[in-house]
Structures are given as structure tokens and as C-alpha cells.
Amino acid sequence: MRIGELSRRTGVSVPTIKFYVREGLLPAGELTSPNQASYGDGHERRLRLIRAMLGVGGLSLARIGEILAVVDDTSQPVFKLMGEVAGTVAAPSLVGSGEPSDAARESVAALGERRGWHVPPGHPDGDALARTLTEAERLGHEDFAVALDAYAEAAEKVAEADLSYVRGLGARDDVLEGVVVGMMLGDAMFGSLRRIAQAEETGRIYGRGEGA
């Protein structure tokens, strides 16, 4: 297809497409004449991935370039690619970057052992979880940690749904786009579902009140 058709199909302007080519984010089209180039489905997939990382993931062009370099290294397994992208677009911890307490670290390590999860010391999300538990301790709600296994079980089911979705996408760029979109939209969707479920459970336990 010509660059104009690629622009229409992706919603990316022609000048932006040319900019991505100059910056090495998008491979150049195949020259069909001195002033004409042809683009294929791979270019369309790559533009969708760039748009997802830029618009949904909120990543900088520099970081997108780094990720695309990993994507284009076909020696890298998809598992590593997914971890790289997921770690990049994951929402930041809501409890800052302070040092977790020893008790919180031990709780996370014990959870990993119970669930059979690989959460080595220094794991970014393991540390973020430990900081969350530390904040619960600081607020006088250290018993909140008893809910860890229930949360973990729910997280496993959500992770299964995530992977079931991306596994069917086929091409590497499509899989990575699915991870980017899934991480951002999935977090928002799960938050909404959690609040709906909380309201239902609250009504079941305490009643909905007159006229509810």
C-alpha cells in the first residue's frame, strides 16, 4: 500500500509516519520508484504498537525506541518481551518508594512460596507489594495482610484471562500491543469491577437501606 493508505488505515498522519521512519521507529517502505514506497501489514502492526505505547502507555519516544529494539531482536523469547513491556507500562506504586519493613518483605516471600511464584529479592513488583504492606502497618492496619492470598488468587485468574487474550493475537507486534493495552485498560477495568463487587457485597452484608 502507499503511505497515504497506510495513514488512512492507522489514523497516523503522513508527516508523523515519515518522522517515525527517520527516527528508526518504523522500517522504511520498499521503494517502487525514486519517489514512491510500498508499505505492508507489518508497517500497519508496528504503527498500532507505537500508538498504543505512546497514547495508552504514555511512554516517551526514546523509551519506545528501546522497546522496539528488543522487539526486533528475534532471539529474545516472547516471555522476556512481555516482561519488558509490562514492567514499563505498569502503573507506579501508590505508596511511594520508601524502604519496606522486614515483616512486609517476609510476608511477600512467604506468599511467593505458598503460591509457587518466582519473586526473588529485589523484584520490582515484589518490593512495591512490600511497600504497600508497610504502609498498612504504618496506618495501623497490619492485619490487612491476611487478605494477601485472596488477592493473589484473584490476580492469578486475571492473569490467566490476560494471557488467554494475548496468546491468540499471533504476530509479535500484536502480542506486545495487547500487553500494552491490556496493562492499562485491564487495570482500569478491574478497578471498576472491584468497586461494583464491593457495593454488591456491602449491600448483601449490611443491607441496601430503604429505597435502595
Protein backbone atom coordinates (compact mmCIF):
# COMPACT_ATOMS: atom_id res chain seq x y z
CA MET A 1 0.00 0.00 0.00
CA ARG A 2 1.07 3.63 -0.45
CA ILE A 3 1.84 5.85 2.52
CA GLY A 4 -1.50 7.66 2.16
CA GLU A 5 -3.38 4.38 2.51
CA LEU A 6 -1.24 3.42 5.50
CA SER A 7 -2.13 6.77 7.06
CA ARG A 8 -5.85 6.24 6.47
CA ARG A 9 -5.80 2.72 7.87
CA THR A 10 -3.89 3.62 11.04
CA GLY A 11 -5.02 7.18 11.72
CA VAL A 12 -1.38 8.33 11.81
CA SER A 13 -0.62 11.36 9.66
CA VAL A 14 1.78 11.07 6.74
CA PRO A 15 4.29 13.54 8.28
CA THR A 16 4.26 11.51 11.52
CA ILE A 17 4.83 8.27 9.62
CA LYS A 18 7.82 9.85 7.87
CA PHE A 19 9.10 11.11 11.22
CA TYR A 20 8.89 7.60 12.70
CA VAL A 21 10.84 6.27 9.72
CA ARG A 22 13.55 8.93 10.16
CA GLU A 23 13.79 8.14 13.89
CA GLY A 24 14.11 4.41 13.22
CA LEU A 25 10.86 3.52 14.96
CA LEU A 26 9.27 2.31 11.72
CA PRO A 27 11.08 0.46 8.92
CA ALA A 28 11.23 2.30 5.63
CA GLY A 29 8.86 1.17 2.91
CA GLU A 30 10.03 -0.78 -0.12
CA LEU A 31 10.96 1.65 -2.90
CA THR A 32 8.90 1.13 -6.04
CA SER A 33 10.25 4.28 -7.75
CA PRO A 34 12.60 7.11 -6.74
CA ASN A 35 9.72 8.95 -5.04
CA GLN A 36 7.34 6.13 -4.11
CA ALA A 37 7.45 3.42 -1.47
CA SER A 38 5.19 0.49 -0.66
CA TYR A 39 4.15 -0.45 2.86
CA GLY A 40 2.75 -3.73 4.15
CA ASP A 41 0.84 -5.27 7.04
CA GLY A 42 3.98 -5.23 9.18
CA HIS A 43 4.13 -1.45 8.96
CA GLU A 44 0.48 -1.23 10.00
CA ARG A 45 1.07 -3.50 13.01
CA ARG A 46 4.14 -1.52 14.03
CA LEU A 47 2.24 1.78 13.87
CA ARG A 48 -0.53 0.33 16.04
CA LEU A 49 2.08 -0.78 18.57
CA ILE A 50 3.74 2.65 18.60
CA ARG A 51 0.37 4.36 19.06
CA ALA A 52 -0.53 2.01 21.91
CA MET A 53 2.74 2.64 23.73
CA LEU A 54 2.57 6.37 23.10
CA GLY A 55 -1.13 7.02 23.70
CA VAL A 56 -2.23 4.28 26.09
CA GLY A 57 1.08 3.52 27.78
CA GLY A 58 2.20 7.15 27.94
CA LEU A 59 5.78 6.25 27.05
CA SER A 60 8.37 8.61 25.59
CA LEU A 61 9.61 8.12 22.03
CA ALA A 62 13.04 7.31 23.43
CA ARG A 63 11.65 4.51 25.60
CA ILE A 64 9.50 3.26 22.73
CA GLY A 65 12.64 3.04 20.60
CA GLU A 66 14.36 0.95 23.27
CA ILE A 67 11.43 -1.45 23.48
CA LEU A 68 11.16 -1.77 19.71
CA ALA A 69 14.84 -2.66 19.58
CA VAL A 70 14.08 -5.56 21.92
CA VAL A 71 11.00 -6.49 19.88
CA ASP A 72 13.08 -6.62 16.70
CA ASP A 73 15.67 -8.90 18.30
CA THR A 74 14.09 -12.19 17.26
CA SER A 75 16.47 -14.11 19.52
CA GLN A 76 14.58 -12.75 22.53
CA PRO A 77 11.74 -15.00 23.77
CA VAL A 78 8.24 -13.56 23.94
CA PHE A 79 8.30 -14.13 27.71
CA LYS A 80 11.15 -11.63 28.09
CA LEU A 81 9.48 -9.16 25.73
CA MET A 82 6.25 -9.28 27.68
CA GLY A 83 8.09 -8.74 30.94
CA GLU A 84 9.98 -5.77 29.48
CA VAL A 85 6.84 -4.10 28.18
CA ALA A 86 4.67 -4.92 31.19
CA GLY A 87 7.27 -3.53 33.57
CA THR A 88 7.49 -0.34 31.52
CA VAL A 89 3.79 0.45 31.31
CA ALA A 90 2.80 -0.78 34.77
CA ALA A 91 1.15 1.83 36.95
CA PRO A 92 3.52 3.37 39.51
CA SER A 93 3.24 2.32 43.14
CA LEU A 94 0.69 4.39 45.03
CA VAL A 95 2.70 4.25 48.25
CA GLY A 96 5.96 5.89 47.19
CA SER A 97 9.46 4.45 47.13
CA GLY A 98 10.32 4.09 50.82
CA GLU A 99 12.10 1.07 52.21
CA PRO A 100 9.73 -1.83 53.03
CA SER A 101 9.75 -3.25 56.54
CA ASP A 102 11.33 -6.64 57.24
CA ALA A 103 7.91 -8.02 58.19
CA ALA A 104 6.44 -6.89 54.88
CA ARG A 105 9.30 -8.44 52.91
CA GLU A 106 8.82 -11.69 54.81
CA SER A 107 5.10 -11.66 54.04
CA VAL A 108 5.78 -11.25 50.32
CA ALA A 109 8.42 -14.01 50.34
CA ALA A 110 6.04 -16.35 52.18
CA LEU A 111 3.27 -15.56 49.72
CA GLY A 112 5.57 -16.43 46.82
CA GLU A 113 6.42 -19.76 48.41
CA ARG A 114 2.77 -20.61 49.07
CA ARG A 115 1.67 -19.72 45.54
CA GLY A 116 4.74 -21.17 43.81
CA TRP A 117 5.59 -17.74 42.35
CA HIS A 118 9.09 -16.64 41.37
CA VAL A 119 9.53 -13.42 43.36
CA PRO A 120 13.25 -13.08 44.10
CA PRO A 121 14.62 -10.35 46.42
CA GLY A 122 14.64 -7.02 44.59
CA HIS A 123 11.75 -7.95 42.28
CA PRO A 124 10.18 -4.55 41.39
CA ASP A 125 6.59 -5.63 41.96
CA GLY A 126 7.54 -7.71 44.98
CA ASP A 127 9.11 -4.59 46.51
CA ALA A 128 6.06 -2.50 45.56
CA LEU A 129 3.81 -5.04 47.28
CA ALA A 130 6.04 -4.97 50.36
CA ARG A 131 5.83 -1.17 50.46
CA THR A 132 2.04 -1.42 50.33
CA LEU A 133 2.06 -3.79 53.30
CA THR A 134 4.47 -1.47 55.11
CA GLU A 135 2.06 1.41 54.60
CA ALA A 136 -0.75 -0.74 56.00
CA GLU A 137 1.41 -1.33 59.08
CA ARG A 138 2.08 2.39 59.42
CA LEU A 139 -1.64 3.13 59.30
CA GLY A 140 -2.35 0.53 61.98
CA HIS A 141 -3.90 -2.00 59.58
CA GLU A 142 -1.20 -4.65 59.57
CA ASP A 143 -3.91 -7.33 59.73
CA PHE A 144 -4.81 -6.36 56.15
CA ALA A 145 -2.04 -8.75 55.12
CA VAL A 146 -4.37 -11.67 55.86
CA ALA A 147 -6.12 -10.78 52.60
CA LEU A 148 -2.96 -11.45 50.57
CA ASP A 149 -3.90 -14.95 49.46
CA ALA A 150 -7.40 -13.90 48.42
CA TYR A 151 -5.92 -11.07 46.35
CA ALA A 152 -3.31 -13.43 44.91
CA GLU A 153 -5.96 -15.94 43.87
CA ALA A 154 -7.94 -13.20 42.13
CA ALA A 155 -4.74 -11.94 40.47
CA GLU A 156 -3.99 -15.41 39.10
CA LYS A 157 -7.41 -15.57 37.49
CA VAL A 158 -6.97 -12.11 35.96
CA ALA A 159 -3.51 -13.08 34.70
CA GLU A 160 -4.99 -16.19 33.07
CA ALA A 161 -7.55 -14.00 31.30
CA ASP A 162 -4.80 -11.58 30.19
CA LEU A 163 -2.66 -14.35 28.72
CA SER A 164 -5.63 -16.08 27.12
CA TYR A 165 -6.27 -12.84 25.23
CA VAL A 166 -2.72 -12.09 24.07
CA ARG A 167 -1.89 -15.68 23.14
CA GLY A 168 -4.44 -15.55 20.34
CA LEU A 169 -3.00 -12.41 18.75
CA GLY A 170 -0.32 -14.13 16.65
CA ALA A 171 2.40 -11.74 15.48
CA ARG A 172 4.96 -10.45 17.99
CA ASP A 173 3.95 -6.81 17.49
CA ASP A 174 0.30 -7.74 18.02
CA VAL A 175 1.15 -9.62 21.23
CA LEU A 176 3.15 -6.66 22.56
CA GLU A 177 0.36 -4.25 21.63
CA GLY A 178 -2.06 -6.49 23.52
CA VAL A 179 0.19 -6.37 26.59
CA VAL A 180 0.38 -2.55 26.49
CA VAL A 181 -3.35 -2.08 26.05
CA GLY A 182 -4.20 -4.87 28.48
CA MET A 183 -1.98 -3.49 31.24
CA MET A 184 -3.51 -0.03 31.06
CA LEU A 185 -7.14 -0.80 30.24
CA GLY A 186 -7.14 -4.02 32.26
CA ASP A 187 -6.14 -2.18 35.44
CA ALA A 188 -8.94 0.34 34.89
CA MET A 189 -11.48 -2.40 34.11
CA PHE A 190 -10.51 -4.44 37.17
CA GLY A 191 -10.80 -1.37 39.40
CA SER A 192 -14.33 -0.71 38.17
CA LEU A 193 -15.36 -4.34 38.58
CA ARG A 194 -13.88 -4.41 42.08
CA ARG A 195 -15.91 -1.38 43.15
CA ILE A 196 -19.11 -2.83 41.68
CA ALA A 197 -18.48 -6.11 43.52
CA GLN A 198 -17.70 -4.25 46.75
CA ALA A 199 -21.00 -2.40 46.52
CA GLU A 200 -22.87 -5.66 45.96
CA GLU A 201 -21.11 -7.38 48.87
CA THR A 202 -21.70 -4.39 51.14
CA GLY A 203 -25.41 -4.46 50.28
CA ARG A 204 -25.57 -8.18 50.97
CA ILE A 205 -23.92 -7.85 54.40
CA TYR A 206 -25.31 -4.55 55.67
CA GLY A 207 -28.44 -4.14 53.58
CA ARG A 208 -29.10 -1.53 50.95
CA GLY A 209 -31.31 0.71 53.03
CA GLU A 210 -34.81 1.86 52.35
CA GLY A 211 -35.49 2.59 48.70
CA ALA A 212 -32.11 1.26 47.51
